[in-house]
Amino acid sequence: MRELAISSKATMRNLTKFCIAPPADPQDLMEKWQDSERLEEAISMLTPRKRQAVIGFFFTDKTLNEIGKEMGVTGSRVRQIKETAIRHLRVNLYKNMNMETS
């Protein structure tokens, strides 16, 4: 996932949120990092189409219609793909969390 080209505005927003209110406790910082790694792994497990919809929506400043043009579908279809991808992410994240605690 690190190779993804994320817009500078999105990167700055995320970086700003992290820098303005960093976790006070080193344990919190480690947990935040682990959550980020888990999410990155879960996103990488999505199909390319679902991954493109999720990354386009959450990590760029593109609209659903703009993402749809890139994918060759309507903005409404991108929303549907994104929603399905989110459900898959939740399942994958939940499975990974349960495997780590077992």
PDB file of N, CA and C in Angstrom:
ATOM      1  N   MET A   1       0.805  -1.197   0.000  1.00  0.00           N
ATOM      2  CA  MET A   1       0.000   0.000   0.000  1.00  0.00           C
ATOM      3  C   MET A   1       0.849   1.262   0.000  1.00  0.00           C
ATOM      4  N   ARG A   2       2.040   1.204   0.482  1.00  0.00           N
ATOM      5  CA  ARG A   2       2.859   2.399   0.591  1.00  0.00           C
ATOM      6  C   ARG A   2       3.126   3.023  -0.769  1.00  0.00           C
ATOM      7  N   GLU A   3       3.051   2.234  -1.845  1.00  0.00           N
ATOM      8  CA  GLU A   3       3.349   2.746  -3.157  1.00  0.00           C
ATOM      9  C   GLU A   3       2.206   3.557  -3.753  1.00  0.00           C
ATOM     10  N   LEU A   4       1.074   3.625  -3.076  1.00  0.00           N
ATOM     11  CA  LEU A   4      -0.067   4.356  -3.602  1.00  0.00           C
ATOM     12  C   LEU A   4       0.207   5.853  -3.632  1.00  0.00           C
ATOM     13  N   ALA A   5      -0.252   6.483  -4.682  1.00  0.00           N
ATOM     14  CA  ALA A   5      -0.096   7.931  -4.796  1.00  0.00           C
ATOM     15  C   ALA A   5      -1.292   8.596  -4.136  1.00  0.00           C
ATOM     16  N   ILE A   6      -1.112   9.035  -2.926  1.00  0.00           N
ATOM     17  CA  ILE A   6      -2.181   9.680  -2.173  1.00  0.00           C
ATOM     18  C   ILE A   6      -2.014  11.181  -2.323  1.00  0.00           C
ATOM     19  N   SER A   7      -3.125  11.861  -2.544  1.00  0.00           N
ATOM     20  CA  SER A   7      -3.047  13.304  -2.777  1.00  0.00           C
ATOM     21  C   SER A   7      -2.396  14.014  -1.600  1.00  0.00           C
ATOM     22  N   SER A   8      -1.717  15.104  -1.892  1.00  0.00           N
ATOM     23  CA  SER A   8      -1.012  15.834  -0.846  1.00  0.00           C
ATOM     24  C   SER A   8      -1.974  16.424   0.176  1.00  0.00           C
ATOM     25  N   LYS A   9      -3.179  16.859  -0.257  1.00  0.00           N
ATOM     26  CA  LYS A   9      -4.146  17.403   0.689  1.00  0.00           C
ATOM     27  C   LYS A   9      -4.586  16.338   1.682  1.00  0.00           C
ATOM     28  N   ALA A  10      -4.891  15.133   1.180  1.00  0.00           N
ATOM     29  CA  ALA A  10      -5.314  14.051   2.062  1.00  0.00           C
ATOM     30  C   ALA A  10      -4.180  13.676   3.013  1.00  0.00           C
ATOM     31  N   THR A  11      -2.964  13.604   2.492  1.00  0.00           N
ATOM     32  CA  THR A  11      -1.818  13.265   3.324  1.00  0.00           C
ATOM     33  C   THR A  11      -1.610  14.318   4.401  1.00  0.00           C
ATOM     34  N   MET A  12      -1.713  15.577   4.027  1.00  0.00           N
ATOM     35  CA  MET A  12      -1.529  16.653   4.999  1.00  0.00           C
ATOM     36  C   MET A  12      -2.607  16.627   6.072  1.00  0.00           C
ATOM     37  N   ARG A  13      -3.858  16.337   5.678  1.00  0.00           N
ATOM     38  CA  ARG A  13      -4.932  16.253   6.685  1.00  0.00           C
ATOM     39  C   ARG A  13      -4.623  15.160   7.689  1.00  0.00           C
ATOM     40  N   ASN A  14      -4.238  13.991   7.200  1.00  0.00           N
ATOM     41  CA  ASN A  14      -3.942  12.876   8.090  1.00  0.00           C
ATOM     42  C   ASN A  14      -2.729  13.176   8.962  1.00  0.00           C
ATOM     43  N   LEU A  15      -1.700  13.746   8.353  1.00  0.00           N
ATOM     44  CA  LEU A  15      -0.498  14.088   9.097  1.00  0.00           C
ATOM     45  C   LEU A  15      -0.798  15.152  10.143  1.00  0.00           C
ATOM     46  N   THR A  16      -1.596  16.143   9.783  1.00  0.00           N
ATOM     47  CA  THR A  16      -1.943  17.211  10.714  1.00  0.00           C
ATOM     48  C   THR A  16      -2.710  16.654  11.903  1.00  0.00           C
ATOM     49  N   LYS A  17      -3.682  15.797  11.642  1.00  0.00           N
ATOM     50  CA  LYS A  17      -4.449  15.202  12.748  1.00  0.00           C
ATOM     51  C   LYS A  17      -3.518  14.462  13.693  1.00  0.00           C
ATOM     52  N   PHE A  18      -2.573  13.726  13.132  1.00  0.00           N
ATOM     53  CA  PHE A  18      -1.659  12.945  13.949  1.00  0.00           C
ATOM     54  C   PHE A  18      -0.707  13.843  14.731  1.00  0.00           C
ATOM     55  N   CYS A  19      -0.206  14.885  14.087  1.00  0.00           N
ATOM     56  CA  CYS A  19       0.777  15.759  14.739  1.00  0.00           C
ATOM     57  C   CYS A  19       0.158  16.695  15.764  1.00  0.00           C
ATOM     58  N   ILE A  20      -1.055  17.155  15.519  1.00  0.00           N
ATOM     59  CA  ILE A  20      -1.690  18.088  16.452  1.00  0.00           C
ATOM     60  C   ILE A  20      -2.091  17.389  17.741  1.00  0.00           C
ATOM     61  N   ALA A  21      -2.590  16.199  17.627  1.00  0.00           N
ATOM     62  CA  ALA A  21      -3.033  15.478  18.819  1.00  0.00           C
ATOM     63  C   ALA A  21      -2.387  14.098  18.878  1.00  0.00           C
ATOM     64  N   PRO A  22      -1.061  14.053  19.054  1.00  0.00           N
ATOM     65  CA  PRO A  22      -0.415  12.745  19.126  1.00  0.00           C
ATOM     66  C   PRO A  22      -0.827  12.024  20.405  1.00  0.00           C
ATOM     67  N   PRO A  23      -0.872  10.726  20.388  1.00  0.00           N
ATOM     68  CA  PRO A  23      -1.214   9.989  21.598  1.00  0.00           C
ATOM     69  C   PRO A  23      -0.233  10.321  22.714  1.00  0.00           C
ATOM     70  N   ALA A  24      -0.751  10.523  23.904  1.00  0.00           N
ATOM     71  CA  ALA A  24       0.080  10.901  25.040  1.00  0.00           C
ATOM     72  C   ALA A  24       0.916   9.733  25.535  1.00  0.00           C
ATOM     73  N   ASP A  25       0.416   8.547  25.341  1.00  0.00           N
ATOM     74  CA  ASP A  25       1.038   7.345  25.869  1.00  0.00           C
ATOM     75  C   ASP A  25       1.719   6.575  24.734  1.00  0.00           C
ATOM     76  N   PRO A  26       2.963   6.130  24.933  1.00  0.00           N
ATOM     77  CA  PRO A  26       3.635   5.335  23.893  1.00  0.00           C
ATOM     78  C   PRO A  26       2.844   4.086  23.488  1.00  0.00           C
ATOM     79  N   GLN A  27       2.127   3.505  24.432  1.00  0.00           N
ATOM     80  CA  GLN A  27       1.290   2.340  24.131  1.00  0.00           C
ATOM     81  C   GLN A  27       0.191   2.717  23.133  1.00  0.00           C
ATOM     82  N   ASP A  28      -0.404   3.895  23.330  1.00  0.00           N
ATOM     83  CA  ASP A  28      -1.428   4.373  22.399  1.00  0.00           C
ATOM     84  C   ASP A  28      -0.840   4.585  21.010  1.00  0.00           C
ATOM     85  N   LEU A  29       0.376   5.120  20.972  1.00  0.00           N
ATOM     86  CA  LEU A  29       1.059   5.335  19.696  1.00  0.00           C
ATOM     87  C   LEU A  29       1.279   4.005  18.985  1.00  0.00           C
ATOM     88  N   MET A  30       1.715   2.994  19.719  1.00  0.00           N
ATOM     89  CA  MET A  30       1.946   1.672  19.138  1.00  0.00           C
ATOM     90  C   MET A  30       0.644   1.066  18.637  1.00  0.00           C
ATOM     91  N   GLU A  31      -0.427   1.204  19.404  1.00  0.00           N
ATOM     92  CA  GLU A  31      -1.723   0.669  18.991  1.00  0.00           C
ATOM     93  C   GLU A  31      -2.220   1.365  17.731  1.00  0.00           C
ATOM     94  N   LYS A  32      -2.019   2.682  17.654  1.00  0.00           N
ATOM     95  CA  LYS A  32      -2.424   3.432  16.463  1.00  0.00           C
ATOM     96  C   LYS A  32      -1.647   2.933  15.248  1.00  0.00           C
ATOM     97  N   TRP A  33      -0.366   2.695  15.417  1.00  0.00           N
ATOM     98  CA  TRP A  33       0.460   2.181  14.328  1.00  0.00           C
ATOM     99  C   TRP A  33      -0.009   0.793  13.912  1.00  0.00           C
ATOM    100  N   GLN A  34      -0.292  -0.070  14.880  1.00  0.00           N
ATOM    101  CA  GLN A  34      -0.751  -1.423  14.566  1.00  0.00           C
ATOM    102  C   GLN A  34      -2.096  -1.390  13.845  1.00  0.00           C
ATOM    103  N   ASP A  35      -2.991  -0.510  14.271  1.00  0.00           N
ATOM    104  CA  ASP A  35      -4.280  -0.370  13.587  1.00  0.00           C
ATOM    105  C   ASP A  35      -4.081   0.044  12.140  1.00  0.00           C
ATOM    106  N   SER A  36      -3.158   0.955  11.919  1.00  0.00           N
ATOM    107  CA  SER A  36      -2.854   1.418  10.565  1.00  0.00           C
ATOM    108  C   SER A  36      -2.319   0.264   9.719  1.00  0.00           C
ATOM    109  N   GLU A  37      -1.441  -0.530  10.294  1.00  0.00           N
ATOM    110  CA  GLU A  37      -0.884  -1.678   9.584  1.00  0.00           C
ATOM    111  C   GLU A  37      -1.977  -2.706   9.265  1.00  0.00           C
ATOM    112  N   ARG A  38      -2.865  -2.933  10.204  1.00  0.00           N
ATOM    113  CA  ARG A  38      -3.977  -3.880   9.980  1.00  0.00           C
ATOM    114  C   ARG A  38      -4.883  -3.403   8.855  1.00  0.00           C
ATOM    115  N   LEU A  39      -5.187  -2.106   8.863  1.00  0.00           N
ATOM    116  CA  LEU A  39      -6.043  -1.546   7.825  1.00  0.00           C
ATOM    117  C   LEU A  39      -5.359  -1.655   6.466  1.00  0.00           C
ATOM    118  N   GLU A  40      -4.093  -1.345   6.422  1.00  0.00           N
ATOM    119  CA  GLU A  40      -3.343  -1.439   5.168  1.00  0.00           C
ATOM    120  C   GLU A  40      -3.365  -2.870   4.632  1.00  0.00           C
ATOM    121  N   GLU A  41      -3.171  -3.834   5.516  1.00  0.00           N
ATOM    122  CA  GLU A  41      -3.203  -5.240   5.105  1.00  0.00           C
ATOM    123  C   GLU A  41      -4.595  -5.634   4.614  1.00  0.00           C
ATOM    124  N   ALA A  42      -5.622  -5.190   5.321  1.00  0.00           N
ATOM    125  CA  ALA A  42      -6.999  -5.510   4.920  1.00  0.00           C
ATOM    126  C   ALA A  42      -7.328  -4.892   3.568  1.00  0.00           C
ATOM    127  N   ILE A  43      -6.883  -3.664   3.321  1.00  0.00           N
ATOM    128  CA  ILE A  43      -7.120  -3.019   2.025  1.00  0.00           C
ATOM    129  C   ILE A  43      -6.410  -3.794   0.922  1.00  0.00           C
ATOM    130  N   SER A  44      -5.221  -4.275   1.205  1.00  0.00           N
ATOM    131  CA  SER A  44      -4.469  -5.015   0.182  1.00  0.00           C
ATOM    132  C   SER A  44      -5.148  -6.330  -0.182  1.00  0.00           C
ATOM    133  N   MET A  45      -6.011  -6.845   0.679  1.00  0.00           N
ATOM    134  CA  MET A  45      -6.715  -8.098   0.423  1.00  0.00           C
ATOM    135  C   MET A  45      -7.974  -7.903  -0.433  1.00  0.00           C
ATOM    136  N   LEU A  46      -8.383  -6.652  -0.636  1.00  0.00           N
ATOM    137  CA  LEU A  46      -9.545  -6.374  -1.469  1.00  0.00           C
ATOM    138  C   LEU A  46      -9.226  -6.640  -2.935  1.00  0.00           C
ATOM    139  N   THR A  47     -10.267  -6.844  -3.728  1.00  0.00           N
ATOM    140  CA  THR A  47     -10.066  -6.957  -5.166  1.00  0.00           C
ATOM    141  C   THR A  47      -9.578  -5.602  -5.687  1.00  0.00           C
ATOM    142  N   PRO A  48      -8.905  -5.573  -6.834  1.00  0.00           N
ATOM    143  CA  PRO A  48      -8.415  -4.300  -7.354  1.00  0.00           C
ATOM    144  C   PRO A  48      -9.523  -3.256  -7.512  1.00  0.00           C
ATOM    145  N   ARG A  49     -10.692  -3.670  -7.932  1.00  0.00           N
ATOM    146  CA  ARG A  49     -11.811  -2.734  -8.140  1.00  0.00           C
ATOM    147  C   ARG A  49     -12.285  -2.135  -6.815  1.00  0.00           C
ATOM    148  N   LYS A  50     -12.425  -2.971  -5.806  1.00  0.00           N
ATOM    149  CA  LYS A  50     -12.845  -2.489  -4.485  1.00  0.00           C
ATOM    150  C   LYS A  50     -11.761  -1.608  -3.871  1.00  0.00           C
ATOM    151  N   ARG A  51     -10.517  -2.022  -4.047  1.00  0.00           N
ATOM    152  CA  ARG A  51      -9.398  -1.239  -3.522  1.00  0.00           C
ATOM    153  C   ARG A  51      -9.369   0.148  -4.167  1.00  0.00           C
ATOM    154  N   GLN A  52      -9.575   0.202  -5.472  1.00  0.00           N
ATOM    155  CA  GLN A  52      -9.576   1.488  -6.178  1.00  0.00           C
ATOM    156  C   GLN A  52     -10.698   2.395  -5.670  1.00  0.00           C
ATOM    157  N   ALA A  53     -11.870   1.838  -5.431  1.00  0.00           N
ATOM    158  CA  ALA A  53     -12.996   2.636  -4.928  1.00  0.00           C
ATOM    159  C   ALA A  53     -12.707   3.169  -3.529  1.00  0.00           C
ATOM    160  N   VAL A  54     -12.179   2.323  -2.656  1.00  0.00           N
ATOM    161  CA  VAL A  54     -11.891   2.733  -1.274  1.00  0.00           C
ATOM    162  C   VAL A  54     -10.783   3.776  -1.238  1.00  0.00           C
ATOM    163  N   ILE A  55      -9.702   3.521  -1.936  1.00  0.00           N
ATOM    164  CA  ILE A  55      -8.580   4.461  -1.928  1.00  0.00           C
ATOM    165  C   ILE A  55      -8.990   5.778  -2.576  1.00  0.00           C
ATOM    166  N   GLY A  56      -9.705   5.688  -3.679  1.00  0.00           N
ATOM    167  CA  GLY A  56     -10.156   6.900  -4.345  1.00  0.00           C
ATOM    168  C   GLY A  56     -11.052   7.742  -3.462  1.00  0.00           C
ATOM    169  N   PHE A  57     -11.933   7.096  -2.719  1.00  0.00           N
ATOM    170  CA  PHE A  57     -12.882   7.832  -1.887  1.00  0.00           C
ATOM    171  C   PHE A  57     -12.247   8.374  -0.607  1.00  0.00           C
ATOM    172  N   PHE A  58     -11.491   7.541   0.094  1.00  0.00           N
ATOM    173  CA  PHE A  58     -10.990   7.937   1.409  1.00  0.00           C
ATOM    174  C   PHE A  58      -9.620   8.609   1.401  1.00  0.00           C
ATOM    175  N   PHE A  59      -8.820   8.392   0.371  1.00  0.00           N
ATOM    176  CA  PHE A  59      -7.452   8.890   0.399  1.00  0.00           C
ATOM    177  C   PHE A  59      -7.135   9.923  -0.680  1.00  0.00           C
ATOM    178  N   THR A  60      -8.131  10.320  -1.452  1.00  0.00           N
ATOM    179  CA  THR A  60      -7.919  11.376  -2.442  1.00  0.00           C
ATOM    180  C   THR A  60      -9.056  12.383  -2.303  1.00  0.00           C
ATOM    181  N   ASP A  61      -8.938  13.466  -3.019  1.00  0.00           N
ATOM    182  CA  ASP A  61      -9.990  14.484  -2.990  1.00  0.00           C
ATOM    183  C   ASP A  61     -10.976  14.311  -4.143  1.00  0.00           C
ATOM    184  N   LYS A  62     -11.005  13.121  -4.732  1.00  0.00           N
ATOM    185  CA  LYS A  62     -11.870  12.875  -5.883  1.00  0.00           C
ATOM    186  C   LYS A  62     -13.309  12.626  -5.460  1.00  0.00           C
ATOM    187  N   THR A  63     -14.231  13.013  -6.324  1.00  0.00           N
ATOM    188  CA  THR A  63     -15.642  12.726  -6.098  1.00  0.00           C
ATOM    189  C   THR A  63     -15.945  11.310  -6.587  1.00  0.00           C
ATOM    190  N   LEU A  64     -17.121  10.813  -6.212  1.00  0.00           N
ATOM    191  CA  LEU A  64     -17.532   9.494  -6.689  1.00  0.00           C
ATOM    192  C   LEU A  64     -17.595   9.467  -8.214  1.00  0.00           C
ATOM    193  N   ASN A  65     -18.081  10.556  -8.811  1.00  0.00           N
ATOM    194  CA  ASN A  65     -18.155  10.617 -10.274  1.00  0.00           C
ATOM    195  C   ASN A  65     -16.770  10.592 -10.911  1.00  0.00           C
ATOM    196  N   GLU A  66     -15.810  11.279 -10.315  1.00  0.00           N
ATOM    197  CA  GLU A  66     -14.445  11.270 -10.853  1.00  0.00           C
ATOM    198  C   GLU A  66     -13.835   9.873 -10.754  1.00  0.00           C
ATOM    199  N   ILE A  67     -14.042   9.233  -9.632  1.00  0.00           N
ATOM    200  CA  ILE A  67     -13.546   7.867  -9.457  1.00  0.00           C
ATOM    201  C   ILE A  67     -14.239   6.947 -10.465  1.00  0.00           C
ATOM    202  N   GLY A  68     -15.537   7.154 -10.638  1.00  0.00           N
ATOM    203  CA  GLY A  68     -16.304   6.353 -11.586  1.00  0.00           C
ATOM    204  C   GLY A  68     -15.780   6.482 -13.007  1.00  0.00           C
ATOM    205  N   LYS A  69     -15.418   7.695 -13.415  1.00  0.00           N
ATOM    206  CA  LYS A  69     -14.861   7.888 -14.759  1.00  0.00           C
ATOM    207  C   LYS A  69     -13.586   7.077 -14.935  1.00  0.00           C
ATOM    208  N   GLU A  70     -12.743   7.071 -13.900  1.00  0.00           N
ATOM    209  CA  GLU A  70     -11.500   6.298 -13.963  1.00  0.00           C
ATOM    210  C   GLU A  70     -11.793   4.795 -14.058  1.00  0.00           C
ATOM    211  N   MET A  71     -12.854   4.375 -13.384  1.00  0.00           N
ATOM    212  CA  MET A  71     -13.190   2.954 -13.340  1.00  0.00           C
ATOM    213  C   MET A  71     -14.108   2.534 -14.482  1.00  0.00           C
ATOM    214  N   GLY A  72     -14.674   3.497 -15.189  1.00  0.00           N
ATOM    215  CA  GLY A  72     -15.590   3.181 -16.272  1.00  0.00           C
ATOM    216  C   GLY A  72     -16.990   2.831 -15.804  1.00  0.00           C
ATOM    217  N   VAL A  73     -17.378   3.390 -14.656  1.00  0.00           N
ATOM    218  CA  VAL A  73     -18.717   3.156 -14.097  1.00  0.00           C
ATOM    219  C   VAL A  73     -19.278   4.490 -13.595  1.00  0.00           C
ATOM    220  N   THR A  74     -20.525   4.480 -13.148  1.00  0.00           N
ATOM    221  CA  THR A  74     -21.128   5.698 -12.613  1.00  0.00           C
ATOM    222  C   THR A  74     -20.679   5.927 -11.169  1.00  0.00           C
ATOM    223  N   GLY A  75     -20.876   7.146 -10.708  1.00  0.00           N
ATOM    224  CA  GLY A  75     -20.582   7.458  -9.315  1.00  0.00           C
ATOM    225  C   GLY A  75     -21.415   6.629  -8.364  1.00  0.00           C
ATOM    226  N   SER A  76     -22.652   6.351  -8.753  1.00  0.00           N
ATOM    227  CA  SER A  76     -23.528   5.526  -7.934  1.00  0.00           C
ATOM    228  C   SER A  76     -22.973   4.108  -7.784  1.00  0.00           C
ATOM    229  N   ARG A  77     -22.419   3.586  -8.872  1.00  0.00           N
ATOM    230  CA  ARG A  77     -21.838   2.245  -8.829  1.00  0.00           C
ATOM    231  C   ARG A  77     -20.582   2.241  -7.956  1.00  0.00           C
ATOM    232  N   VAL A  78     -19.809   3.304  -8.001  1.00  0.00           N
ATOM    233  CA  VAL A  78     -18.625   3.410  -7.142  1.00  0.00           C
ATOM    234  C   VAL A  78     -19.054   3.355  -5.676  1.00  0.00           C
ATOM    235  N   ARG A  79     -20.139   4.067  -5.350  1.00  0.00           N
ATOM    236  CA  ARG A  79     -20.647   4.051  -3.977  1.00  0.00           C
ATOM    237  C   ARG A  79     -21.001   2.624  -3.558  1.00  0.00           C
ATOM    238  N   GLN A  80     -21.648   1.880  -4.435  1.00  0.00           N
ATOM    239  CA  GLN A  80     -22.013   0.494  -4.139  1.00  0.00           C
ATOM    240  C   GLN A  80     -20.770  -0.369  -3.929  1.00  0.00           C
ATOM    241  N   ILE A  81     -19.790  -0.198  -4.803  1.00  0.00           N
ATOM    242  CA  ILE A  81     -18.544  -0.965  -4.680  1.00  0.00           C
ATOM    243  C   ILE A  81     -17.841  -0.611  -3.375  1.00  0.00           C
ATOM    244  N   LYS A  82     -17.814   0.685  -3.048  1.00  0.00           N
ATOM    245  CA  LYS A  82     -17.168   1.151  -1.813  1.00  0.00           C
ATOM    246  C   LYS A  82     -17.856   0.553  -0.584  1.00  0.00           C
ATOM    247  N   GLU A  83     -19.181   0.547  -0.588  1.00  0.00           N
ATOM    248  CA  GLU A  83     -19.924  -0.002   0.553  1.00  0.00           C
ATOM    249  C   GLU A  83     -19.651  -1.496   0.722  1.00  0.00           C
ATOM    250  N   THR A  84     -19.598  -2.223  -0.384  1.00  0.00           N
ATOM    251  CA  THR A  84     -19.274  -3.648  -0.316  1.00  0.00           C
ATOM    252  C   THR A  84     -17.852  -3.837   0.210  1.00  0.00           C
ATOM    253  N   ALA A  85     -16.937  -3.005  -0.259  1.00  0.00           N
ATOM    254  CA  ALA A  85     -15.548  -3.076   0.184  1.00  0.00           C
ATOM    255  C   ALA A  85     -15.438  -2.809   1.684  1.00  0.00           C
ATOM    256  N   ILE A  86     -16.191  -1.858   2.182  1.00  0.00           N
ATOM    257  CA  ILE A  86     -16.163  -1.545   3.613  1.00  0.00           C
ATOM    258  C   ILE A  86     -16.637  -2.743   4.428  1.00  0.00           C
ATOM    259  N   ARG A  87     -17.679  -3.408   3.952  1.00  0.00           N
ATOM    260  CA  ARG A  87     -18.146  -4.620   4.651  1.00  0.00           C
ATOM    261  C   ARG A  87     -17.040  -5.678   4.680  1.00  0.00           C
ATOM    262  N   HIS A  88     -16.351  -5.847   3.547  1.00  0.00           N
ATOM    263  CA  HIS A  88     -15.250  -6.818   3.507  1.00  0.00           C
ATOM    264  C   HIS A  88     -14.112  -6.406   4.425  1.00  0.00           C
ATOM    265  N   LEU A  89     -13.814  -5.110   4.475  1.00  0.00           N
ATOM    266  CA  LEU A  89     -12.763  -4.629   5.378  1.00  0.00           C
ATOM    267  C   LEU A  89     -13.110  -4.935   6.832  1.00  0.00           C
ATOM    268  N   ARG A  90     -14.350  -4.690   7.197  1.00  0.00           N
ATOM    269  CA  ARG A  90     -14.770  -4.964   8.577  1.00  0.00           C
ATOM    270  C   ARG A  90     -14.599  -6.434   8.915  1.00  0.00           C
ATOM    271  N   VAL A  91     -15.004  -7.307   7.997  1.00  0.00           N
ATOM    272  CA  VAL A  91     -14.878  -8.754   8.226  1.00  0.00           C
ATOM    273  C   VAL A  91     -13.403  -9.128   8.351  1.00  0.00           C
ATOM    274  N   ASN A  92     -12.571  -8.646   7.418  1.00  0.00           N
ATOM    275  CA  ASN A  92     -11.144  -8.980   7.462  1.00  0.00           C
ATOM    276  C   ASN A  92     -10.461  -8.439   8.709  1.00  0.00           C
ATOM    277  N   LEU A  93     -10.793  -7.221   9.089  1.00  0.00           N
ATOM    278  CA  LEU A  93     -10.200  -6.647  10.298  1.00  0.00           C
ATOM    279  C   LEU A  93     -10.637  -7.420  11.534  1.00  0.00           C
ATOM    280  N   TYR A  94     -11.904  -7.793  11.590  1.00  0.00           N
ATOM    281  CA  TYR A  94     -12.411  -8.548  12.737  1.00  0.00           C
ATOM    282  C   TYR A  94     -11.725  -9.908  12.827  1.00  0.00           C
ATOM    283  N   LYS A  95     -11.579 -10.576  11.676  1.00  0.00           N
ATOM    284  CA  LYS A  95     -10.898 -11.882  11.663  1.00  0.00           C
ATOM    285  C   LYS A  95      -9.460 -11.739  12.135  1.00  0.00           C
ATOM    286  N   ASN A  96      -8.750 -10.729  11.627  1.00  0.00           N
ATOM    287  CA  ASN A  96      -7.358 -10.528  12.018  1.00  0.00           C
ATOM    288  C   ASN A  96      -7.216 -10.228  13.508  1.00  0.00           C
ATOM    289  N   MET A  97      -8.134  -9.428  14.040  1.00  0.00           N
ATOM    290  CA  MET A  97      -8.075  -9.105  15.469  1.00  0.00           C
ATOM    291  C   MET A  97      -8.320 -10.347  16.308  1.00  0.00           C
ATOM    292  N   ASN A  98      -9.261 -11.177  15.896  1.00  0.00           N
ATOM    293  CA  ASN A  98      -9.548 -12.408  16.636  1.00  0.00           C
ATOM    294  C   ASN A  98      -8.404 -13.400  16.546  1.00  0.00           C
ATOM    295  N   MET A  99      -7.739 -13.465  15.404  1.00  0.00           N
ATOM    296  CA  MET A  99      -6.605 -14.377  15.250  1.00  0.00           C
ATOM    297  C   MET A  99      -5.443 -13.949  16.137  1.00  0.00           C
ATOM    298  N   GLU A 100      -5.262 -12.644  16.289  1.00  0.00           N
ATOM    299  CA  GLU A 100      -4.159 -12.146  17.117  1.00  0.00           C
ATOM    300  C   GLU A 100      -4.404 -12.364  18.600  1.00  0.00           C
ATOM    301  N   THR A 101      -5.652 -12.385  19.017  1.00  0.00           N
ATOM    302  CA  THR A 101      -5.942 -12.552  20.444  1.00  0.00           C
ATOM    303  C   THR A 101      -6.065 -14.017  20.824  1.00  0.00           C
ATOM    304  N   SER A 102      -6.101 -14.921  19.855  1.00  0.00           N
ATOM    305  CA  SER A 102      -6.229 -16.359  20.146  1.00  0.00           C
ATOM    306  C   SER A 102      -4.914 -16.951  20.559  1.00  0.00           C
TER     307      SER A 102
END
